[in-house]
N, C-alpha and C. Protein backbone atom coordinates (compact mmCIF):
# COMPACT_ATOMS: atom_id res chain seq x y z
N MET A 1 46.17 -100.33 -271.00
CA MET A 1 45.74 -101.65 -271.44
C MET A 1 46.87 -102.61 -271.10
N THR A 2 46.82 -103.09 -269.88
CA THR A 2 47.87 -103.95 -269.34
C THR A 2 48.16 -105.13 -270.27
N GLY A 3 49.43 -105.36 -270.52
CA GLY A 3 49.84 -106.47 -271.36
C GLY A 3 49.87 -106.13 -272.84
N TRP A 4 49.23 -105.04 -273.21
CA TRP A 4 49.21 -104.65 -274.61
C TRP A 4 50.28 -103.60 -274.92
N ARG A 5 50.96 -103.15 -273.88
CA ARG A 5 51.98 -102.12 -274.00
C ARG A 5 51.41 -100.82 -274.55
N VAL A 6 50.20 -100.51 -274.10
CA VAL A 6 49.55 -99.27 -274.49
C VAL A 6 49.07 -98.59 -273.22
N GLY A 7 49.36 -97.33 -273.07
CA GLY A 7 48.90 -96.60 -271.91
C GLY A 7 49.66 -95.30 -271.76
N TRP A 8 49.47 -94.66 -270.63
CA TRP A 8 50.18 -93.42 -270.36
C TRP A 8 50.34 -93.24 -268.87
N MET A 9 51.22 -92.33 -268.50
CA MET A 9 51.43 -92.01 -267.09
C MET A 9 51.32 -90.50 -266.93
N VAL A 10 50.88 -90.10 -265.78
CA VAL A 10 50.87 -88.69 -265.41
C VAL A 10 51.94 -88.54 -264.34
N LEU A 11 52.95 -87.73 -264.63
CA LEU A 11 54.11 -87.60 -263.75
C LEU A 11 54.46 -86.14 -263.52
N PRO A 12 55.15 -85.86 -262.40
CA PRO A 12 55.73 -84.54 -262.25
C PRO A 12 56.77 -84.31 -263.36
N GLU A 13 56.87 -83.12 -263.82
CA GLU A 13 57.75 -82.79 -264.96
C GLU A 13 59.17 -83.33 -264.77
N GLU A 14 59.69 -83.26 -263.54
CA GLU A 14 61.07 -83.68 -263.31
C GLU A 14 61.28 -85.19 -263.43
N LEU A 15 60.21 -85.97 -263.48
CA LEU A 15 60.34 -87.43 -263.61
C LEU A 15 60.08 -87.93 -265.03
N VAL A 16 59.62 -87.06 -265.91
CA VAL A 16 59.25 -87.49 -267.26
C VAL A 16 60.42 -88.13 -267.99
N ARG A 17 61.56 -87.49 -268.02
CA ARG A 17 62.71 -88.03 -268.78
C ARG A 17 63.18 -89.35 -268.19
N THR A 18 63.19 -89.46 -266.88
CA THR A 18 63.60 -90.70 -266.23
C THR A 18 62.64 -91.83 -266.62
N ALA A 19 61.35 -91.56 -266.59
CA ALA A 19 60.35 -92.57 -266.96
C ALA A 19 60.50 -92.94 -268.44
N GLU A 20 60.78 -91.98 -269.29
CA GLU A 20 60.98 -92.28 -270.71
C GLU A 20 62.16 -93.23 -270.89
N ARG A 21 63.25 -92.97 -270.18
CA ARG A 21 64.42 -93.84 -270.30
C ARG A 21 64.12 -95.26 -269.82
N LEU A 22 63.39 -95.37 -268.73
CA LEU A 22 63.02 -96.70 -268.25
C LEU A 22 62.10 -97.40 -269.24
N ALA A 23 61.11 -96.70 -269.74
CA ALA A 23 60.15 -97.29 -270.67
C ALA A 23 60.84 -97.79 -271.94
N GLN A 24 61.86 -97.10 -272.40
CA GLN A 24 62.56 -97.50 -273.61
C GLN A 24 63.23 -98.85 -273.44
N ASN A 25 63.51 -99.25 -272.21
CA ASN A 25 64.12 -100.55 -271.96
C ASN A 25 63.10 -101.68 -271.92
N PHE A 26 61.84 -101.33 -271.79
CA PHE A 26 60.79 -102.34 -271.70
C PHE A 26 60.11 -102.62 -273.03
N PHE A 27 60.09 -101.67 -273.90
CA PHE A 27 59.44 -101.87 -275.20
C PHE A 27 59.96 -100.84 -276.20
N VAL A 28 59.84 -101.18 -277.46
CA VAL A 28 60.20 -100.25 -278.52
C VAL A 28 58.95 -99.50 -278.96
N SER A 29 57.91 -100.27 -279.24
CA SER A 29 56.66 -99.67 -279.67
C SER A 29 55.56 -100.71 -279.52
N PRO A 30 54.37 -100.24 -279.16
CA PRO A 30 53.26 -101.20 -279.14
C PRO A 30 53.01 -101.71 -280.55
N SER A 31 52.54 -102.94 -280.66
CA SER A 31 52.24 -103.48 -281.98
C SER A 31 51.10 -102.69 -282.62
N TYR A 32 51.00 -102.77 -283.91
CA TYR A 32 49.96 -102.05 -284.64
C TYR A 32 48.57 -102.47 -284.16
N ILE A 33 48.35 -103.77 -283.98
CA ILE A 33 47.03 -104.25 -283.55
C ILE A 33 46.68 -103.70 -282.17
N SER A 34 47.67 -103.59 -281.26
CA SER A 34 47.42 -103.01 -279.94
C SER A 34 47.03 -101.54 -280.05
N GLN A 35 47.67 -100.83 -280.96
CA GLN A 35 47.36 -99.41 -281.14
C GLN A 35 45.93 -99.24 -281.68
N VAL A 36 45.55 -100.06 -282.64
CA VAL A 36 44.21 -99.98 -283.22
C VAL A 36 43.16 -100.35 -282.15
N ALA A 37 43.43 -101.39 -281.38
CA ALA A 37 42.49 -101.81 -280.34
C ALA A 37 42.36 -100.74 -279.26
N ALA A 38 43.46 -100.12 -278.89
CA ALA A 38 43.42 -99.06 -277.89
C ALA A 38 42.59 -97.88 -278.38
N GLU A 39 42.77 -97.54 -279.63
CA GLU A 39 41.99 -96.44 -280.20
C GLU A 39 40.50 -96.78 -280.21
N ALA A 40 40.15 -98.02 -280.54
CA ALA A 40 38.75 -98.45 -280.56
C ALA A 40 38.14 -98.44 -279.16
N ALA A 41 38.97 -98.67 -278.13
CA ALA A 41 38.46 -98.69 -276.76
C ALA A 41 37.87 -97.34 -276.36
N PHE A 42 38.33 -96.27 -276.96
CA PHE A 42 37.79 -94.95 -276.66
C PHE A 42 36.37 -94.77 -277.19
N ASP A 43 35.92 -95.67 -278.06
CA ASP A 43 34.56 -95.61 -278.59
C ASP A 43 33.57 -96.41 -277.75
N CYS A 44 34.00 -96.94 -276.63
CA CYS A 44 33.16 -97.83 -275.80
C CYS A 44 32.71 -97.13 -274.52
N ASP A 45 32.34 -95.87 -274.63
CA ASP A 45 32.02 -95.10 -273.44
C ASP A 45 30.82 -95.67 -272.67
N GLU A 46 29.80 -96.11 -273.36
CA GLU A 46 28.61 -96.64 -272.69
C GLU A 46 28.97 -97.87 -271.85
N GLU A 47 29.76 -98.77 -272.41
CA GLU A 47 30.20 -99.95 -271.68
C GLU A 47 31.09 -99.56 -270.50
N LEU A 48 31.99 -98.60 -270.72
CA LEU A 48 32.87 -98.13 -269.66
C LEU A 48 32.05 -97.58 -268.49
N GLN A 49 31.07 -96.74 -268.79
CA GLN A 49 30.26 -96.14 -267.72
C GLN A 49 29.46 -97.21 -266.96
N ALA A 50 28.98 -98.21 -267.66
CA ALA A 50 28.25 -99.30 -267.00
C ALA A 50 29.18 -100.08 -266.07
N ASN A 51 30.41 -100.33 -266.51
CA ASN A 51 31.38 -101.03 -265.67
C ASN A 51 31.74 -100.19 -264.44
N ARG A 52 31.93 -98.89 -264.64
CA ARG A 52 32.25 -98.01 -263.51
C ARG A 52 31.13 -98.03 -262.49
N ALA A 53 29.89 -98.00 -262.94
CA ALA A 53 28.75 -98.01 -262.03
C ALA A 53 28.70 -99.34 -261.26
N ARG A 54 28.96 -100.43 -261.94
CA ARG A 54 28.96 -101.74 -261.28
C ARG A 54 30.09 -101.84 -260.26
N TYR A 55 31.27 -101.33 -260.60
CA TYR A 55 32.38 -101.33 -259.65
C TYR A 55 32.04 -100.47 -258.44
N ALA A 56 31.38 -99.34 -258.65
CA ALA A 56 31.00 -98.48 -257.53
C ALA A 56 30.04 -99.21 -256.60
N GLN A 57 29.09 -99.94 -257.16
CA GLN A 57 28.16 -100.73 -256.34
C GLN A 57 28.91 -101.81 -255.56
N ALA A 58 29.80 -102.51 -256.23
CA ALA A 58 30.56 -103.57 -255.57
C ALA A 58 31.43 -102.98 -254.46
N ARG A 59 32.02 -101.83 -254.72
CA ARG A 59 32.85 -101.15 -253.72
C ARG A 59 32.02 -100.84 -252.48
N GLU A 60 30.86 -100.27 -252.67
CA GLU A 60 30.01 -99.91 -251.53
C GLU A 60 29.55 -101.15 -250.75
N LEU A 61 29.21 -102.21 -251.47
CA LEU A 61 28.84 -103.47 -250.81
C LEU A 61 29.97 -103.97 -249.92
N LEU A 62 31.17 -104.00 -250.49
CA LEU A 62 32.31 -104.52 -249.75
C LEU A 62 32.65 -103.63 -248.56
N LEU A 63 32.68 -102.32 -248.76
CA LEU A 63 33.02 -101.42 -247.67
C LEU A 63 32.00 -101.48 -246.54
N ALA A 64 30.74 -101.72 -246.87
CA ALA A 64 29.70 -101.87 -245.84
C ALA A 64 29.81 -103.22 -245.15
N GLY A 65 30.22 -104.25 -245.86
CA GLY A 65 30.27 -105.60 -245.31
C GLY A 65 31.51 -105.90 -244.50
N LEU A 66 32.62 -105.24 -244.79
CA LEU A 66 33.87 -105.56 -244.09
C LEU A 66 33.79 -105.38 -242.57
N PRO A 67 33.25 -104.28 -242.07
CA PRO A 67 33.15 -104.15 -240.61
C PRO A 67 32.27 -105.25 -239.99
N LYS A 68 31.24 -105.68 -240.68
CA LYS A 68 30.38 -106.76 -240.17
C LYS A 68 31.16 -108.06 -240.05
N ALA A 69 32.19 -108.20 -240.88
CA ALA A 69 33.03 -109.41 -240.87
C ALA A 69 34.23 -109.25 -239.93
N GLY A 70 34.29 -108.13 -239.22
CA GLY A 70 35.38 -107.92 -238.26
C GLY A 70 36.59 -107.22 -238.82
N PHE A 71 36.49 -106.68 -240.01
CA PHE A 71 37.62 -105.96 -240.62
C PHE A 71 37.32 -104.46 -240.57
N THR A 72 37.92 -103.80 -239.59
CA THR A 72 37.66 -102.38 -239.40
C THR A 72 38.83 -101.50 -239.80
N THR A 73 39.99 -102.11 -240.01
CA THR A 73 41.17 -101.34 -240.39
C THR A 73 41.53 -101.68 -241.82
N PHE A 74 41.24 -100.75 -242.72
CA PHE A 74 41.57 -100.95 -244.13
C PHE A 74 41.66 -99.61 -244.83
N SER A 75 42.31 -99.63 -245.97
CA SER A 75 42.42 -98.44 -246.79
C SER A 75 41.33 -98.48 -247.85
N PRO A 76 40.38 -97.55 -247.80
CA PRO A 76 39.34 -97.54 -248.83
C PRO A 76 39.97 -97.33 -250.21
N PRO A 77 39.44 -97.99 -251.21
CA PRO A 77 39.99 -97.85 -252.56
C PRO A 77 39.87 -96.40 -253.06
N ASP A 78 40.90 -95.98 -253.75
CA ASP A 78 40.91 -94.64 -254.31
C ASP A 78 41.58 -94.70 -255.67
N GLY A 79 40.85 -95.23 -256.66
CA GLY A 79 41.40 -95.28 -258.01
C GLY A 79 41.60 -96.68 -258.54
N ALA A 80 41.39 -97.68 -257.73
CA ALA A 80 41.52 -99.07 -258.20
C ALA A 80 40.34 -99.86 -257.66
N PHE A 81 40.28 -101.14 -257.97
CA PHE A 81 39.19 -101.96 -257.47
C PHE A 81 39.71 -103.00 -256.49
N TYR A 82 40.49 -102.51 -255.53
CA TYR A 82 41.06 -103.34 -254.48
C TYR A 82 40.89 -102.65 -253.14
N VAL A 83 40.79 -103.45 -252.08
CA VAL A 83 40.80 -102.94 -250.72
C VAL A 83 42.01 -103.57 -250.02
N TYR A 84 42.77 -102.77 -249.32
CA TYR A 84 43.96 -103.22 -248.61
C TYR A 84 43.61 -103.28 -247.13
N LEU A 85 43.63 -104.49 -246.55
CA LEU A 85 43.12 -104.71 -245.20
C LEU A 85 44.19 -105.22 -244.23
N ASP A 86 43.99 -104.91 -242.97
CA ASP A 86 44.87 -105.35 -241.89
C ASP A 86 44.43 -106.73 -241.40
N THR A 87 45.38 -107.64 -241.25
CA THR A 87 45.06 -108.99 -240.76
C THR A 87 45.21 -109.11 -239.24
N SER A 88 45.64 -108.04 -238.57
CA SER A 88 45.84 -108.09 -237.12
C SER A 88 44.57 -108.60 -236.44
N GLY A 89 44.75 -109.52 -235.53
CA GLY A 89 43.62 -110.10 -234.82
C GLY A 89 42.96 -111.25 -235.56
N HIS A 90 43.39 -111.49 -236.80
CA HIS A 90 42.80 -112.56 -237.60
C HIS A 90 43.79 -113.70 -237.86
N ALA A 91 45.08 -113.36 -237.87
CA ALA A 91 46.13 -114.35 -238.15
C ALA A 91 47.47 -113.75 -237.78
N PRO A 92 48.48 -114.58 -237.56
CA PRO A 92 49.80 -114.06 -237.21
C PRO A 92 50.49 -113.29 -238.35
N ASP A 93 50.12 -113.61 -239.59
CA ASP A 93 50.71 -112.92 -240.74
C ASP A 93 49.79 -113.08 -241.95
N SER A 94 50.03 -112.29 -242.97
CA SER A 94 49.13 -112.28 -244.13
C SER A 94 49.23 -113.54 -244.98
N VAL A 95 50.38 -114.18 -245.00
CA VAL A 95 50.51 -115.42 -245.78
C VAL A 95 49.63 -116.50 -245.15
N THR A 96 49.74 -116.65 -243.84
CA THR A 96 48.90 -117.62 -243.13
C THR A 96 47.43 -117.27 -243.33
N PHE A 97 47.12 -115.99 -243.20
CA PHE A 97 45.73 -115.55 -243.34
C PHE A 97 45.19 -115.87 -244.74
N CYS A 98 45.94 -115.52 -245.77
CA CYS A 98 45.48 -115.75 -247.15
C CYS A 98 45.33 -117.24 -247.45
N ASP A 99 46.25 -118.04 -246.92
CA ASP A 99 46.13 -119.50 -247.10
C ASP A 99 44.86 -120.03 -246.45
N ARG A 100 44.62 -119.61 -245.21
CA ARG A 100 43.40 -120.05 -244.51
C ARG A 100 42.14 -119.54 -245.20
N LEU A 101 42.17 -118.30 -245.64
CA LEU A 101 41.01 -117.70 -246.30
C LEU A 101 40.64 -118.50 -247.55
N LEU A 102 41.63 -118.91 -248.30
CA LEU A 102 41.38 -119.70 -249.50
C LEU A 102 40.89 -121.11 -249.13
N ASP A 103 41.60 -121.76 -248.21
CA ASP A 103 41.25 -123.14 -247.84
C ASP A 103 39.90 -123.25 -247.14
N GLU A 104 39.63 -122.33 -246.23
CA GLU A 104 38.44 -122.45 -245.38
C GLU A 104 37.22 -121.69 -245.88
N ALA A 105 37.44 -120.59 -246.60
CA ALA A 105 36.30 -119.78 -247.05
C ALA A 105 36.16 -119.75 -248.57
N GLY A 106 37.17 -120.26 -249.27
CA GLY A 106 37.11 -120.25 -250.74
C GLY A 106 37.25 -118.87 -251.33
N ILE A 107 37.96 -117.98 -250.63
CA ILE A 107 38.18 -116.61 -251.10
C ILE A 107 39.67 -116.44 -251.38
N ALA A 108 39.99 -116.06 -252.60
CA ALA A 108 41.38 -115.80 -252.97
C ALA A 108 41.71 -114.35 -252.66
N ALA A 109 42.80 -114.15 -251.95
CA ALA A 109 43.28 -112.81 -251.61
C ALA A 109 44.79 -112.79 -251.81
N THR A 110 45.33 -111.62 -251.91
CA THR A 110 46.76 -111.46 -252.14
C THR A 110 47.43 -110.93 -250.89
N THR A 111 48.48 -111.59 -250.46
CA THR A 111 49.21 -111.13 -249.29
C THR A 111 49.81 -109.75 -249.52
N GLY A 112 49.89 -108.98 -248.46
CA GLY A 112 50.46 -107.64 -248.55
C GLY A 112 51.94 -107.64 -248.88
N LEU A 113 52.61 -108.77 -248.70
CA LEU A 113 54.04 -108.84 -249.03
C LEU A 113 54.30 -108.59 -250.51
N ASP A 114 53.28 -108.80 -251.34
CA ASP A 114 53.44 -108.53 -252.77
C ASP A 114 53.53 -107.03 -253.06
N PHE A 115 53.16 -106.20 -252.07
CA PHE A 115 53.10 -104.76 -252.30
C PHE A 115 53.98 -103.97 -251.34
N ASP A 116 54.37 -104.59 -250.22
CA ASP A 116 55.14 -103.88 -249.21
C ASP A 116 56.00 -104.89 -248.46
N VAL A 117 57.29 -104.94 -248.78
CA VAL A 117 58.17 -105.94 -248.17
C VAL A 117 58.48 -105.61 -246.71
N LEU A 118 58.25 -104.38 -246.27
CA LEU A 118 58.55 -104.01 -244.89
C LEU A 118 57.42 -104.34 -243.92
N SER A 119 56.19 -103.98 -244.25
CA SER A 119 55.09 -104.25 -243.31
C SER A 119 53.92 -104.98 -243.96
N GLY A 120 54.12 -105.48 -245.16
CA GLY A 120 53.06 -106.19 -245.87
C GLY A 120 52.64 -107.49 -245.23
N GLU A 121 53.45 -107.99 -244.30
CA GLU A 121 53.08 -109.26 -243.67
C GLU A 121 51.83 -109.15 -242.80
N GLN A 122 51.38 -107.94 -242.51
CA GLN A 122 50.16 -107.81 -241.71
C GLN A 122 48.97 -107.30 -242.53
N PHE A 123 49.11 -107.28 -243.86
CA PHE A 123 48.04 -106.79 -244.72
C PHE A 123 47.73 -107.78 -245.84
N PHE A 124 46.52 -107.66 -246.39
CA PHE A 124 46.15 -108.43 -247.57
C PHE A 124 45.28 -107.57 -248.45
N ARG A 125 45.14 -107.98 -249.69
CA ARG A 125 44.38 -107.20 -250.66
C ARG A 125 43.25 -108.05 -251.24
N LEU A 126 42.06 -107.45 -251.29
CA LEU A 126 40.89 -108.07 -251.90
C LEU A 126 40.46 -107.24 -253.10
N SER A 127 40.07 -107.89 -254.15
CA SER A 127 39.52 -107.21 -255.31
C SER A 127 38.00 -107.29 -255.28
N TYR A 128 37.36 -106.23 -255.72
CA TYR A 128 35.90 -106.28 -255.87
C TYR A 128 35.51 -106.15 -257.33
N CYS A 129 36.41 -106.55 -258.20
CA CYS A 129 36.17 -106.56 -259.64
C CYS A 129 35.51 -107.89 -259.98
N ALA A 130 34.24 -108.01 -259.59
CA ALA A 130 33.52 -109.27 -259.76
C ALA A 130 32.04 -108.95 -259.85
N PRO A 131 31.26 -109.89 -260.31
CA PRO A 131 29.80 -109.68 -260.32
C PRO A 131 29.30 -109.40 -258.89
N LEU A 132 28.26 -108.60 -258.78
CA LEU A 132 27.74 -108.21 -257.47
C LEU A 132 27.37 -109.42 -256.62
N ALA A 133 26.81 -110.43 -257.23
CA ALA A 133 26.44 -111.64 -256.48
C ALA A 133 27.68 -112.29 -255.85
N ASP A 134 28.80 -112.26 -256.55
CA ASP A 134 30.03 -112.84 -256.01
C ASP A 134 30.56 -112.01 -254.84
N VAL A 135 30.44 -110.69 -254.94
CA VAL A 135 30.88 -109.82 -253.85
C VAL A 135 30.01 -110.06 -252.62
N GLU A 136 28.70 -110.17 -252.83
CA GLU A 136 27.79 -110.46 -251.72
C GLU A 136 28.13 -111.79 -251.06
N GLU A 137 28.40 -112.80 -251.87
CA GLU A 137 28.75 -114.11 -251.33
C GLU A 137 30.08 -114.06 -250.58
N ALA A 138 31.02 -113.32 -251.10
CA ALA A 138 32.32 -113.19 -250.43
C ALA A 138 32.15 -112.53 -249.06
N ILE A 139 31.29 -111.54 -248.98
CA ILE A 139 31.03 -110.89 -247.68
C ILE A 139 30.42 -111.89 -246.70
N GLU A 140 29.46 -112.68 -247.17
CA GLU A 140 28.86 -113.71 -246.31
C GLU A 140 29.92 -114.69 -245.83
N ARG A 141 30.79 -115.11 -246.73
CA ARG A 141 31.85 -116.06 -246.35
C ARG A 141 32.81 -115.43 -245.35
N LEU A 142 33.15 -114.14 -245.57
CA LEU A 142 34.03 -113.44 -244.63
C LEU A 142 33.40 -113.36 -243.25
N CYS A 143 32.09 -113.12 -243.20
CA CYS A 143 31.39 -113.03 -241.92
C CYS A 143 31.41 -114.37 -241.19
N GLN A 144 31.41 -115.46 -241.91
CA GLN A 144 31.42 -116.80 -241.30
C GLN A 144 32.85 -117.27 -240.99
N PHE A 145 33.84 -116.65 -241.60
CA PHE A 145 35.24 -117.05 -241.45
C PHE A 145 35.77 -116.58 -240.10
N LYS A 146 36.38 -117.46 -239.36
CA LYS A 146 36.96 -117.11 -238.06
C LYS A 146 38.36 -117.62 -237.98
């Protein structure tokens, strides 16, 4: 639960103590209200499953639409609701590309430099955590974007 200081990590045994030491510098303990809210979130399975199904639909829409829009080099999502795409052939760098994408197509994307300082300048990230109609519209806009 991002921002609530509630969650867990799955790590190799040899990294557990190191992660514990780092975590101790970021927080002492989640607040009581965060703990109660996190516990209640486990009772929302029906809503969770509905969201997962919607994200799966949005993912499939986007993955099918990207090649039609000229984006053939990307990393399919595996555990998140983002697609990491190559800007080669679309712009000289991801900052320029993301600026143009926002200005000309009305699509907000994140430059790859936020995730990879070495080669992120040629990549960008799109989220499909949106209503299906918005994902469909984004694909249409991407197809028209040159």
